[in-house]
Amino acid sequence: MARKTGSHSEITGPRIRAVARALFARHGFAAVSMRQIAAEVGVQAGALYLYTPDKETLLFDLLKAHMDELLAAWDAVPAGKDPLARLEAFVRFHIRFNLDRAEAVFLSYMELRNLGPENFAVIEGLRRDYETRLETILRDGVAQGRFVAPDPKVASLAIIAMLTGVTTWYREGGRLGREAVGDVYWDMVRKAVAA
């Protein structure tokens, strides 16, 4: 029997992805077996293969879904002409979006190495697309004399790394709320590229 009585694909598929994401983030991709995922979901191990052909594909799907969601969410943010306002919007967006997805962010950085070359290239391309959005803001600011960034590509990578790091230390109910964290990070980024 592949499915438990009463199980539904529209429930089981998302549950498999959520459980895999949590287990991969907690224990590492290599340490988690398909049997562990199945046990946590409450299905037989063979049932997982109705939803994914293998563990790497499951990881790839998680990483790609995260990047697709990130890109779509950023692209939905209204873009103005002013590079300073766009940079602030990017900083606040990145923090807000990623704080709600700390496990997905962790996997995107720590488990990318477990993808085969084709899957790696897809995720790397999506990451590059996102980095280019910030790089474009920086280039526009430099062109207008608003920012100083001798190498906007390197600056964009440094800023994204700094912003993403918030997911490793931020805790709900801690000393700073989300808005205050956004204020602090915005102040640091603004000063880093100040003309």
Protein backbone atom coordinates (compact mmCIF):
# COMPACT_ATOMS: atom_id res chain seq x y z
CA MET A 1 0.00 0.00 0.00
CA ALA A 2 1.62 3.25 -1.12
CA ARG A 3 -0.68 5.66 0.66
CA LYS A 4 -2.30 5.52 4.05
CA THR A 5 -6.07 5.51 4.03
CA GLY A 6 -7.31 9.07 4.01
CA SER A 7 -4.08 10.57 2.70
CA HIS A 8 -4.34 13.06 -0.14
CA SER A 9 -1.72 14.14 -2.64
CA GLU A 10 -2.53 17.83 -2.13
CA ILE A 11 -1.69 17.36 1.57
CA THR A 12 1.05 14.74 1.35
CA GLY A 13 3.17 16.47 -1.32
CA PRO A 14 3.51 19.75 0.60
CA ARG A 15 4.02 17.82 3.85
CA ILE A 16 6.90 15.86 2.27
CA ARG A 17 8.54 19.09 1.16
CA ALA A 18 8.07 20.76 4.56
CA VAL A 19 9.43 17.75 6.44
CA ALA A 20 12.39 17.35 4.06
CA ARG A 21 13.23 21.05 4.36
CA ALA A 22 13.18 20.86 8.18
CA LEU A 23 15.20 17.62 8.33
CA PHE A 24 17.77 18.79 5.76
CA ALA A 25 18.19 22.06 7.66
CA ARG A 26 18.50 20.35 11.05
CA HIS A 27 20.68 17.36 10.15
CA GLY A 28 22.16 18.11 6.74
CA PHE A 29 21.17 16.68 3.38
CA ALA A 30 23.66 13.80 3.44
CA ALA A 31 22.57 12.63 6.89
CA VAL A 32 18.85 12.41 6.09
CA SER A 33 17.42 9.33 4.43
CA MET A 34 14.24 8.99 2.43
CA ARG A 35 13.09 6.55 5.13
CA GLN A 36 13.45 9.29 7.76
CA ILE A 37 11.40 11.68 5.67
CA ALA A 38 8.73 9.05 5.10
CA ALA A 39 8.56 8.15 8.80
CA GLU A 40 8.18 11.81 9.76
CA VAL A 41 5.45 12.32 7.16
CA GLY A 42 3.72 9.10 8.19
CA VAL A 43 3.90 7.24 4.89
CA GLN A 44 5.84 4.25 3.67
CA ALA A 45 9.22 5.03 2.12
CA GLY A 46 8.07 3.85 -1.30
CA ALA A 47 5.27 6.41 -1.26
CA LEU A 48 7.80 9.25 -1.45
CA TYR A 49 8.69 8.16 -4.97
CA LEU A 50 5.18 9.09 -6.08
CA TYR A 51 6.22 12.67 -5.38
CA THR A 52 9.91 12.77 -6.27
CA PRO A 53 12.23 10.44 -8.18
CA ASP A 54 15.10 10.80 -5.68
CA LYS A 55 16.50 12.79 -2.77
CA GLU A 56 18.54 15.18 -4.91
CA THR A 57 15.47 16.10 -6.94
CA LEU A 58 13.63 16.78 -3.69
CA LEU A 59 16.42 19.13 -2.59
CA PHE A 60 16.52 20.79 -6.02
CA ASP A 61 12.76 21.33 -5.94
CA LEU A 62 13.02 22.95 -2.51
CA LEU A 63 15.84 25.27 -3.60
CA LYS A 64 14.18 26.18 -6.89
CA ALA A 65 10.81 26.87 -5.24
CA HIS A 66 12.55 29.17 -2.76
CA MET A 67 14.37 31.10 -5.50
CA ASP A 68 11.27 31.31 -7.71
CA GLU A 69 9.27 32.67 -4.79
CA LEU A 70 12.02 35.14 -3.87
CA LEU A 71 12.33 36.50 -7.42
CA ALA A 72 8.55 36.76 -7.89
CA ALA A 73 8.11 38.53 -4.55
CA TRP A 74 10.88 41.05 -5.31
CA ASP A 75 9.56 41.65 -8.82
CA ALA A 76 6.16 42.50 -7.28
CA VAL A 77 7.71 45.30 -5.18
CA PRO A 78 7.00 48.64 -6.87
CA ALA A 79 10.22 49.98 -8.40
CA GLY A 80 10.76 53.70 -8.41
CA LYS A 81 13.44 55.66 -10.20
CA ASP A 82 15.41 56.79 -7.15
CA PRO A 83 18.30 54.38 -6.47
CA LEU A 84 18.38 55.22 -2.76
CA ALA A 85 14.70 54.38 -2.31
CA ARG A 86 15.13 51.21 -4.39
CA LEU A 87 18.13 50.17 -2.30
CA GLU A 88 16.21 50.69 0.93
CA ALA A 89 13.28 48.72 -0.47
CA PHE A 90 15.65 45.89 -1.41
CA VAL A 91 17.28 45.78 2.04
CA ARG A 92 13.97 45.74 3.90
CA PHE A 93 12.43 43.25 1.47
CA HIS A 94 15.36 40.83 1.70
CA ILE A 95 15.30 40.79 5.49
CA ARG A 96 11.52 40.53 5.75
CA PHE A 97 11.26 37.77 3.13
CA ASN A 98 14.10 35.66 4.48
CA LEU A 99 13.29 35.90 8.19
CA ASP A 100 10.12 33.93 7.44
CA ARG A 101 12.11 31.30 5.55
CA ALA A 102 15.24 30.66 7.62
CA GLU A 103 15.35 26.92 6.82
CA ALA A 104 15.05 27.54 3.08
CA VAL A 105 17.78 30.18 3.26
CA PHE A 106 20.06 27.83 5.17
CA LEU A 107 19.54 25.08 2.57
CA SER A 108 20.18 27.54 -0.27
CA TYR A 109 23.62 28.28 1.09
CA MET A 110 24.72 25.10 2.85
CA GLU A 111 23.28 22.34 0.69
CA LEU A 112 23.77 23.73 -2.81
CA ARG A 113 26.94 21.61 -3.03
CA ASN A 114 24.81 18.45 -3.00
CA LEU A 115 23.30 19.17 -6.40
CA GLY A 116 24.59 17.62 -9.58
CA PRO A 117 26.01 19.97 -12.23
CA GLU A 118 22.75 20.53 -14.15
CA ASN A 119 20.66 21.24 -11.06
CA PHE A 120 23.44 23.38 -9.60
CA ALA A 121 23.55 25.48 -12.77
CA VAL A 122 19.81 26.15 -12.59
CA ILE A 123 19.94 27.33 -8.96
CA GLU A 124 23.13 29.31 -9.55
CA GLY A 125 21.42 31.05 -12.48
CA LEU A 126 18.42 31.99 -10.34
CA ARG A 127 20.73 33.31 -7.62
CA ARG A 128 22.62 35.33 -10.22
CA ASP A 129 19.32 36.79 -11.45
CA TYR A 130 18.52 37.96 -7.93
CA GLU A 131 22.02 39.35 -7.34
CA THR A 132 21.77 41.24 -10.63
CA ARG A 133 18.67 43.05 -9.41
CA LEU A 134 20.68 44.55 -6.54
CA GLU A 135 23.71 45.12 -8.75
CA THR A 136 21.51 47.13 -11.15
CA ILE A 137 20.33 49.35 -8.29
CA LEU A 138 23.95 49.97 -7.26
CA ARG A 139 25.06 50.68 -10.84
CA ASP A 140 22.21 53.16 -11.28
CA GLY A 141 23.19 54.87 -8.02
CA VAL A 142 26.84 55.06 -9.08
CA ALA A 143 25.87 56.44 -12.50
CA GLN A 144 23.81 59.17 -10.82
CA GLY A 145 26.61 60.00 -8.37
CA ARG A 146 24.46 58.84 -5.43
CA PHE A 147 26.57 55.80 -4.46
CA VAL A 148 30.23 54.89 -4.31
CA ALA A 149 30.80 51.26 -5.23
CA PRO A 150 34.05 50.65 -7.14
CA ASP A 151 32.78 47.17 -8.08
CA PRO A 152 28.97 46.97 -7.93
CA LYS A 153 29.03 43.20 -8.46
CA VAL A 154 31.24 42.62 -5.42
CA ALA A 155 29.24 45.18 -3.43
CA SER A 156 25.98 43.42 -4.28
CA LEU A 157 27.37 40.05 -3.17
CA ALA A 158 28.68 41.56 0.08
CA ILE A 159 25.38 43.26 0.84
CA ILE A 160 23.34 40.12 0.16
CA ALA A 161 25.68 38.07 2.36
CA MET A 162 25.31 40.57 5.18
CA LEU A 163 21.53 40.74 4.86
CA THR A 164 21.14 36.98 4.64
CA GLY A 165 23.18 36.52 7.81
CA VAL A 166 20.31 37.93 9.85
CA THR A 167 18.56 34.55 9.58
CA THR A 168 21.31 32.91 11.65
CA TRP A 169 20.93 35.09 14.73
CA TYR A 170 17.49 36.74 14.74
CA ARG A 171 14.94 35.35 17.19
CA GLU A 172 11.31 36.44 17.51
CA GLY A 173 10.75 38.16 20.83
CA GLY A 174 14.41 39.12 21.12
CA ARG A 175 15.87 42.51 21.93
CA LEU A 176 15.11 43.93 18.47
CA GLY A 177 11.91 43.51 16.50
CA ARG A 178 11.90 42.96 12.77
CA GLU A 179 11.38 46.61 11.93
CA ALA A 180 14.27 47.67 14.17
CA VAL A 181 16.51 45.05 12.57
CA GLY A 182 15.55 46.45 9.17
CA ASP A 183 16.44 49.95 10.38
CA VAL A 184 19.88 48.84 11.59
CA TYR A 185 20.70 46.94 8.42
CA TRP A 186 19.44 49.76 6.21
CA ASP A 187 21.67 52.22 8.07
CA MET A 188 24.71 49.96 7.56
CA VAL A 189 24.03 49.36 3.85
CA ARG A 190 23.35 53.06 3.21
CA LYS A 191 26.64 54.02 4.85
CA ALA A 192 28.52 51.30 2.96
CA VAL A 193 27.66 52.88 -0.41
CA ALA A 194 27.32 56.52 0.65
CA ALA A 195 28.67 59.03 -1.88
